[in-house]
C-alpha atoms as a PDB file:
ATOM      1  CA  MET A   1      37.513 -95.323 -45.767  1.00  0.00           C
ATOM      2  CA  SER A   2      38.588 -92.300 -43.756  1.00  0.00           C
ATOM      3  CA  ARG A   3      36.813 -88.983 -44.302  1.00  0.00           C
ATOM      4  CA  LYS A   4      38.105 -85.479 -43.818  1.00  0.00           C
ATOM      5  CA  PRO A   5      37.179 -83.807 -40.539  1.00  0.00           C
ATOM      6  CA  ILE A   6      34.671 -80.963 -40.696  1.00  0.00           C
ATOM      7  CA  LEU A   7      35.759 -77.392 -40.054  1.00  0.00           C
ATOM      8  CA  VAL A   8      32.794 -75.292 -38.979  1.00  0.00           C
ATOM      9  CA  VAL A   9      33.582 -71.624 -39.546  1.00  0.00           C
ATOM     10  CA  VAL A  10      31.401 -69.404 -37.342  1.00  0.00           C
ATOM     11  CA  SER A  11      31.598 -65.826 -38.553  1.00  0.00           C
ATOM     12  CA  GLY A  12      29.933 -62.446 -38.259  1.00  0.00           C
ATOM     13  CA  PRO A  13      30.567 -58.877 -37.169  1.00  0.00           C
ATOM     14  CA  PRO A  14      31.435 -57.942 -33.562  1.00  0.00           C
ATOM     15  CA  GLY A  15      28.503 -58.551 -31.211  1.00  0.00           C
ATOM     16  CA  ALA A  16      26.758 -60.999 -33.544  1.00  0.00           C
ATOM     17  CA  GLY A  17      26.821 -63.859 -31.016  1.00  0.00           C
ATOM     18  CA  LYS A  18      29.577 -65.880 -32.663  1.00  0.00           C
ATOM     19  CA  THR A  19      31.386 -67.122 -29.564  1.00  0.00           C
ATOM     20  CA  THR A  20      28.228 -68.219 -27.768  1.00  0.00           C
ATOM     21  CA  LEU A  21      26.966 -70.060 -30.842  1.00  0.00           C
ATOM     22  CA  ALA A  22      30.381 -71.639 -31.490  1.00  0.00           C
ATOM     23  CA  HIS A  23      30.549 -73.130 -27.992  1.00  0.00           C
ATOM     24  CA  ARG A  24      26.934 -74.332 -28.062  1.00  0.00           C
ATOM     25  CA  LEU A  25      27.366 -75.880 -31.497  1.00  0.00           C
ATOM     26  CA  ALA A  26      30.636 -77.572 -30.533  1.00  0.00           C
ATOM     27  CA  ARG A  27      28.953 -79.142 -27.484  1.00  0.00           C
ATOM     28  CA  LYS A  28      26.010 -80.234 -29.645  1.00  0.00           C
ATOM     29  CA  ILE A  29      28.138 -82.010 -32.254  1.00  0.00           C
ATOM     30  CA  GLY A  30      30.852 -83.160 -29.831  1.00  0.00           C
ATOM     31  CA  CYS A  31      34.020 -81.339 -30.840  1.00  0.00           C
ATOM     32  CA  PRO A  32      36.261 -78.478 -29.659  1.00  0.00           C
ATOM     33  CA  ALA A  33      35.547 -74.816 -30.304  1.00  0.00           C
ATOM     34  CA  ILE A  34      38.611 -72.711 -31.096  1.00  0.00           C
ATOM     35  CA  CYS A  35      37.941 -68.992 -30.760  1.00  0.00           C
ATOM     36  CA  ARG A  36      40.405 -66.415 -32.015  1.00  0.00           C
ATOM     37  CA  ASP A  37      39.637 -63.901 -29.261  1.00  0.00           C
ATOM     38  CA  GLU A  38      40.038 -66.572 -26.566  1.00  0.00           C
ATOM     39  CA  ILE A  39      43.518 -67.349 -27.880  1.00  0.00           C
ATOM     40  CA  LYS A  40      44.327 -63.635 -27.780  1.00  0.00           C
ATOM     41  CA  GLU A  41      42.885 -63.390 -24.258  1.00  0.00           C
ATOM     42  CA  GLY A  42      45.304 -66.131 -23.178  1.00  0.00           C
ATOM     43  CA  MET A  43      48.168 -64.106 -24.637  1.00  0.00           C
ATOM     44  CA  VAL A  44      46.992 -61.036 -22.698  1.00  0.00           C
ATOM     45  CA  HIS A  45      47.403 -62.943 -19.428  1.00  0.00           C
ATOM     46  CA  ALA A  46      51.047 -63.593 -20.261  1.00  0.00           C
ATOM     47  CA  THR A  47      51.695 -60.016 -21.375  1.00  0.00           C
ATOM     48  CA  GLY A  48      50.812 -57.947 -18.323  1.00  0.00           C
ATOM     49  CA  ASP A  49      49.950 -54.357 -19.155  1.00  0.00           C
ATOM     50  CA  PHE A  50      48.049 -54.462 -22.400  1.00  0.00           C
ATOM     51  CA  VAL A  51      45.546 -52.209 -24.091  1.00  0.00           C
ATOM     52  CA  ALA A  52      43.744 -53.692 -27.078  1.00  0.00           C
ATOM     53  CA  ALA A  53      43.612 -51.658 -30.272  1.00  0.00           C
ATOM     54  CA  PRO A  54      42.896 -52.520 -33.894  1.00  0.00           C
ATOM     55  CA  GLY A  55      46.077 -54.048 -35.344  1.00  0.00           C
ATOM     56  CA  ASP A  56      47.869 -54.295 -31.991  1.00  0.00           C
ATOM     57  CA  GLN A  57      50.883 -56.584 -31.543  1.00  0.00           C
ATOM     58  CA  LEU A  58      48.892 -59.430 -29.962  1.00  0.00           C
ATOM     59  CA  THR A  59      46.359 -59.361 -32.783  1.00  0.00           C
ATOM     60  CA  LEU A  60      49.220 -59.859 -35.230  1.00  0.00           C
ATOM     61  CA  ARG A  61      50.523 -62.832 -33.201  1.00  0.00           C
ATOM     62  CA  THR A  62      47.050 -64.318 -32.740  1.00  0.00           C
ATOM     63  CA  LEU A  63      46.284 -64.862 -36.429  1.00  0.00           C
ATOM     64  CA  PRO A  64      49.062 -67.381 -37.174  1.00  0.00           C
ATOM     65  CA  THR A  65      48.575 -69.088 -33.800  1.00  0.00           C
ATOM     66  CA  PHE A  66      44.842 -69.508 -34.466  1.00  0.00           C
ATOM     67  CA  PHE A  67      45.457 -71.135 -37.839  1.00  0.00           C
ATOM     68  CA  GLN A  68      48.296 -73.318 -36.510  1.00  0.00           C
ATOM     69  CA  VAL A  69      45.947 -74.688 -33.834  1.00  0.00           C
ATOM     70  CA  LEU A  70      43.235 -75.359 -36.430  1.00  0.00           C
ATOM     71  CA  GLU A  71      45.691 -77.040 -38.793  1.00  0.00           C
ATOM     72  CA  LEU A  72      47.040 -79.225 -35.973  1.00  0.00           C
ATOM     73  CA  LEU A  73      43.561 -80.397 -34.997  1.00  0.00           C
ATOM     74  CA  LEU A  74      42.367 -80.955 -38.558  1.00  0.00           C
ATOM     75  CA  ASN A  75      45.517 -82.881 -39.525  1.00  0.00           C
ATOM     76  CA  ALA A  76      44.824 -85.105 -36.510  1.00  0.00           C
ATOM     77  CA  GLY A  77      41.336 -85.764 -37.896  1.00  0.00           C
ATOM     78  CA  VAL A  78      39.477 -83.637 -35.326  1.00  0.00           C
ATOM     79  CA  THR A  79      36.232 -82.003 -36.430  1.00  0.00           C
ATOM     80  CA  THR A  80      36.485 -78.447 -35.116  1.00  0.00           C
ATOM     81  CA  VAL A  81      34.364 -75.325 -34.720  1.00  0.00           C
ATOM     82  CA  ALA A  82      36.420 -72.193 -35.479  1.00  0.00           C
ATOM     83  CA  GLU A  83      35.090 -68.786 -34.456  1.00  0.00           C
ATOM     84  CA  ALA A  84      36.311 -65.344 -35.471  1.00  0.00           C
ATOM     85  CA  ALA A  85      35.105 -62.268 -37.339  1.00  0.00           C
ATOM     86  CA  PHE A  86      36.133 -63.893 -40.619  1.00  0.00           C
ATOM     87  CA  GLN A  87      36.150 -61.052 -43.118  1.00  0.00           C
ATOM     88  CA  ASP A  88      36.747 -62.156 -46.669  1.00  0.00           C
ATOM     89  CA  ARG A  89      39.902 -60.210 -47.582  1.00  0.00           C
ATOM     90  CA  LEU A  90      41.901 -61.237 -44.513  1.00  0.00           C
ATOM     91  CA  TRP A  91      40.680 -64.754 -43.849  1.00  0.00           C
ATOM     92  CA  ARG A  92      39.800 -66.448 -47.167  1.00  0.00           C
ATOM     93  CA  PRO A  93      43.403 -67.388 -48.101  1.00  0.00           C
ATOM     94  CA  HIS A  94      43.918 -69.150 -44.752  1.00  0.00           C
ATOM     95  CA  LEU A  95      40.570 -70.915 -44.913  1.00  0.00           C
ATOM     96  CA  GLN A  96      41.113 -72.066 -48.505  1.00  0.00           C
ATOM     97  CA  HIS A  97      44.314 -73.761 -47.370  1.00  0.00           C
ATOM     98  CA  LEU A  98      42.410 -75.593 -44.614  1.00  0.00           C
ATOM     99  CA  GLY A  99      39.906 -76.751 -47.237  1.00  0.00           C
ATOM    100  CA  GLU A 100      42.591 -79.136 -48.464  1.00  0.00           C
ATOM    101  CA  ILE A 101      42.458 -81.071 -45.175  1.00  0.00           C
ATOM    102  CA  ALA A 102      38.856 -80.511 -44.033  1.00  0.00           C
ATOM    103  CA  ASP A 103      35.297 -80.236 -45.281  1.00  0.00           C
ATOM    104  CA  ILE A 104      34.346 -76.641 -44.500  1.00  0.00           C
ATOM    105  CA  ARG A 105      30.905 -75.411 -43.494  1.00  0.00           C
ATOM    106  CA  VAL A 106      30.304 -71.703 -42.876  1.00  0.00           C
ATOM    107  CA  VAL A 107      27.824 -70.408 -40.318  1.00  0.00           C
ATOM    108  CA  HIS A 108      27.155 -66.686 -40.781  1.00  0.00           C
ATOM    109  CA  CYS A 109      25.813 -65.031 -37.617  1.00  0.00           C
ATOM    110  CA  GLN A 110      23.492 -62.141 -38.335  1.00  0.00           C
ATOM    111  CA  VAL A 111      22.004 -59.520 -36.042  1.00  0.00           C
ATOM    112  CA  THR A 112      21.027 -55.872 -36.365  1.00  0.00           C
ATOM    113  CA  ALA A 113      23.682 -53.249 -35.712  1.00  0.00           C
ATOM    114  CA  GLU A 114      21.753 -51.986 -32.683  1.00  0.00           C
ATOM    115  CA  ILE A 115      21.577 -55.417 -31.021  1.00  0.00           C
ATOM    116  CA  ALA A 116      25.288 -55.999 -31.728  1.00  0.00           C
ATOM    117  CA  ARG A 117      26.156 -52.605 -30.221  1.00  0.00           C
ATOM    118  CA  THR A 118      24.149 -53.367 -27.087  1.00  0.00           C
ATOM    119  CA  ARG A 119      25.941 -56.716 -26.717  1.00  0.00           C
ATOM    120  CA  ILE A 120      29.339 -55.045 -27.075  1.00  0.00           C
ATOM    121  CA  GLN A 121      28.455 -52.463 -24.427  1.00  0.00           C
ATOM    122  CA  LEU A 122      27.322 -55.210 -22.039  1.00  0.00           C
ATOM    123  CA  ARG A 123      30.511 -57.151 -22.707  1.00  0.00           C
ATOM    124  CA  GLN A 124      32.641 -54.096 -21.961  1.00  0.00           C
ATOM    125  CA  GLY A 125      30.749 -53.179 -18.812  1.00  0.00           C
ATOM    126  CA  GLU A 126      30.062 -56.542 -17.181  1.00  0.00           C
ATOM    127  CA  ASN A 127      33.192 -58.452 -18.076  1.00  0.00           C
ATOM    128  CA  SER A 128      36.118 -56.117 -17.674  1.00  0.00           C
ATOM    129  CA  THR A 129      38.489 -59.121 -17.486  1.00  0.00           C
ATOM    130  CA  ARG A 130      38.151 -59.524 -21.265  1.00  0.00           C
ATOM    131  CA  ARG A 131      40.992 -57.197 -22.188  1.00  0.00           C
ATOM    132  CA  ALA A 132      41.755 -58.638 -25.628  1.00  0.00           C
ATOM    133  CA  HIS A 133      38.785 -57.093 -27.431  1.00  0.00           C
ATOM    134  CA  ALA A 134      39.611 -54.034 -29.465  1.00  0.00           C
ATOM    135  CA  ASP A 135      36.024 -52.944 -30.019  1.00  0.00           C
ATOM    136  CA  THR A 136      35.900 -49.932 -27.684  1.00  0.00           C
ATOM    137  CA  HIS A 137      36.125 -47.732 -30.796  1.00  0.00           C
ATOM    138  CA  LEU A 138      32.621 -48.946 -31.658  1.00  0.00           C
ATOM    139  CA  SER A 139      31.028 -47.084 -28.757  1.00  0.00           C
ATOM    140  CA  THR A 140      29.092 -44.487 -30.729  1.00  0.00           C
ATOM    141  CA  ARG A 141      25.970 -45.583 -32.564  1.00  0.00           C
ATOM    142  CA  GLN A 142      27.164 -44.115 -35.887  1.00  0.00           C
ATOM    143  CA  THR A 143      30.653 -45.633 -35.726  1.00  0.00           C
ATOM    144  CA  HIS A 144      29.304 -49.046 -34.808  1.00  0.00           C
ATOM    145  CA  ALA A 145      26.565 -49.019 -37.464  1.00  0.00           C
ATOM    146  CA  ALA A 146      29.078 -48.071 -40.167  1.00  0.00           C
ATOM    147  CA  GLU A 147      31.482 -50.827 -39.130  1.00  0.00           C
ATOM    148  CA  HIS A 148      28.691 -53.383 -38.726  1.00  0.00           C
ATOM    149  CA  ASN A 149      27.238 -52.608 -42.152  1.00  0.00           C
ATOM    150  CA  SER A 150      30.642 -52.715 -43.863  1.00  0.00           C
ATOM    151  CA  PHE A 151      31.420 -56.243 -42.634  1.00  0.00           C
ATOM    152  CA  HIS A 152      32.438 -58.357 -45.663  1.00  0.00           C
ATOM    153  CA  ARG A 153      31.550 -61.946 -44.921  1.00  0.00           C
ATOM    154  CA  VAL A 154      33.933 -64.645 -46.016  1.00  0.00           C
ATOM    155  CA  GLN A 155      33.195 -66.041 -49.468  1.00  0.00           C
ATOM    156  CA  LEU A 156      34.160 -69.653 -50.043  1.00  0.00           C
ATOM    157  CA  ASN A 157      32.695 -72.184 -52.418  1.00  0.00           C
ATOM    158  CA  VAL A 158      31.416 -74.350 -49.531  1.00  0.00           C
ATOM    159  CA  PRO A 159      28.057 -75.027 -47.875  1.00  0.00           C
ATOM    160  CA  GLU A 160      26.921 -72.079 -45.765  1.00  0.00           C
ATOM    161  CA  ILE A 161      23.986 -71.112 -43.590  1.00  0.00           C
ATOM    162  CA  ASP A 162      22.748 -67.801 -42.210  1.00  0.00           C
ATOM    163  CA  VAL A 163      21.735 -67.772 -38.551  1.00  0.00           C
ATOM    164  CA  ASP A 164      19.767 -64.959 -36.939  1.00  0.00           C
ATOM    165  CA  THR A 165      21.106 -64.709 -33.380  1.00  0.00           C
ATOM    166  CA  SER A 166      18.853 -61.853 -32.262  1.00  0.00           C
ATOM    167  CA  ASP A 167      16.783 -63.958 -29.868  1.00  0.00           C
ATOM    168  CA  GLU A 168      17.552 -67.671 -29.700  1.00  0.00           C
ATOM    169  CA  TYR A 169      18.695 -69.008 -33.069  1.00  0.00           C
ATOM    170  CA  ARG A 170      16.853 -69.071 -36.376  1.00  0.00           C
ATOM    171  CA  PRO A 171      17.298 -71.739 -37.612  1.00  0.00           C
ATOM    172  CA  ASP A 172      17.552 -73.495 -34.249  1.00  0.00           C
ATOM    173  CA  LEU A 173      20.613 -75.305 -32.904  1.00  0.00           C
ATOM    174  CA  ASP A 174      19.382 -78.739 -34.019  1.00  0.00           C
ATOM    175  CA  GLU A 175      18.939 -77.481 -37.589  1.00  0.00           C
ATOM    176  CA  ILE A 176      22.389 -75.879 -37.557  1.00  0.00           C
ATOM    177  CA  ALA A 177      23.941 -79.166 -36.333  1.00  0.00           C
ATOM    178  CA  THR A 178      22.089 -81.057 -39.083  1.00  0.00           C
ATOM    179  CA  PHE A 179      23.461 -78.596 -41.654  1.00  0.00           C
ATOM    180  CA  VAL A 180      27.010 -79.076 -40.317  1.00  0.00           C
ATOM    181  CA  GLN A 181      26.777 -82.871 -40.493  1.00  0.00           C
ATOM    182  CA  ALA A 182      24.946 -83.045 -43.851  1.00  0.00           C
ATOM    183  CA  GLY A 183      26.503 -85.391 -46.336  1.00  0.00           C
ATOM    184  CA  ARG A 184      28.130 -87.528 -43.663  1.00  0.00           C
END
């Protein structure tokens, strides 16, 4: 009997460590990691002059592309880790649709606003080739804290786990992988 593939949704506010965890988890369980910002970054390379901003044209094109890639993989029976800042209002309808073809597990990345802000600043300073991120508006402590604290995590009726990414992972990567594969 064939089972549905697993879709691991890695979510959290900017700077929460989502992309790093998504890639590590995908390697651990042996599947691809599809990251929304990496898709957008690929679009930036084909665009030329581009300045990221909330709601920019590439962001609008990235959303359907991201979900088309996920749907393609899941319909082919590929367990997949999907990473993005999945906020409930924008993302739940798309994820519910994917629940028809995959067993969904949600991994919520959590970190303090101050740690997230520090990570964003490091990302902006050290890796200037990442032009797709539109988080430069989060540069002040107050602006970032307000945005971080207003993040509305995706709410689905599926198994979920909270992961503290402040320093290493709590629970650890092995426990997260066990959670993802539970019931298999």
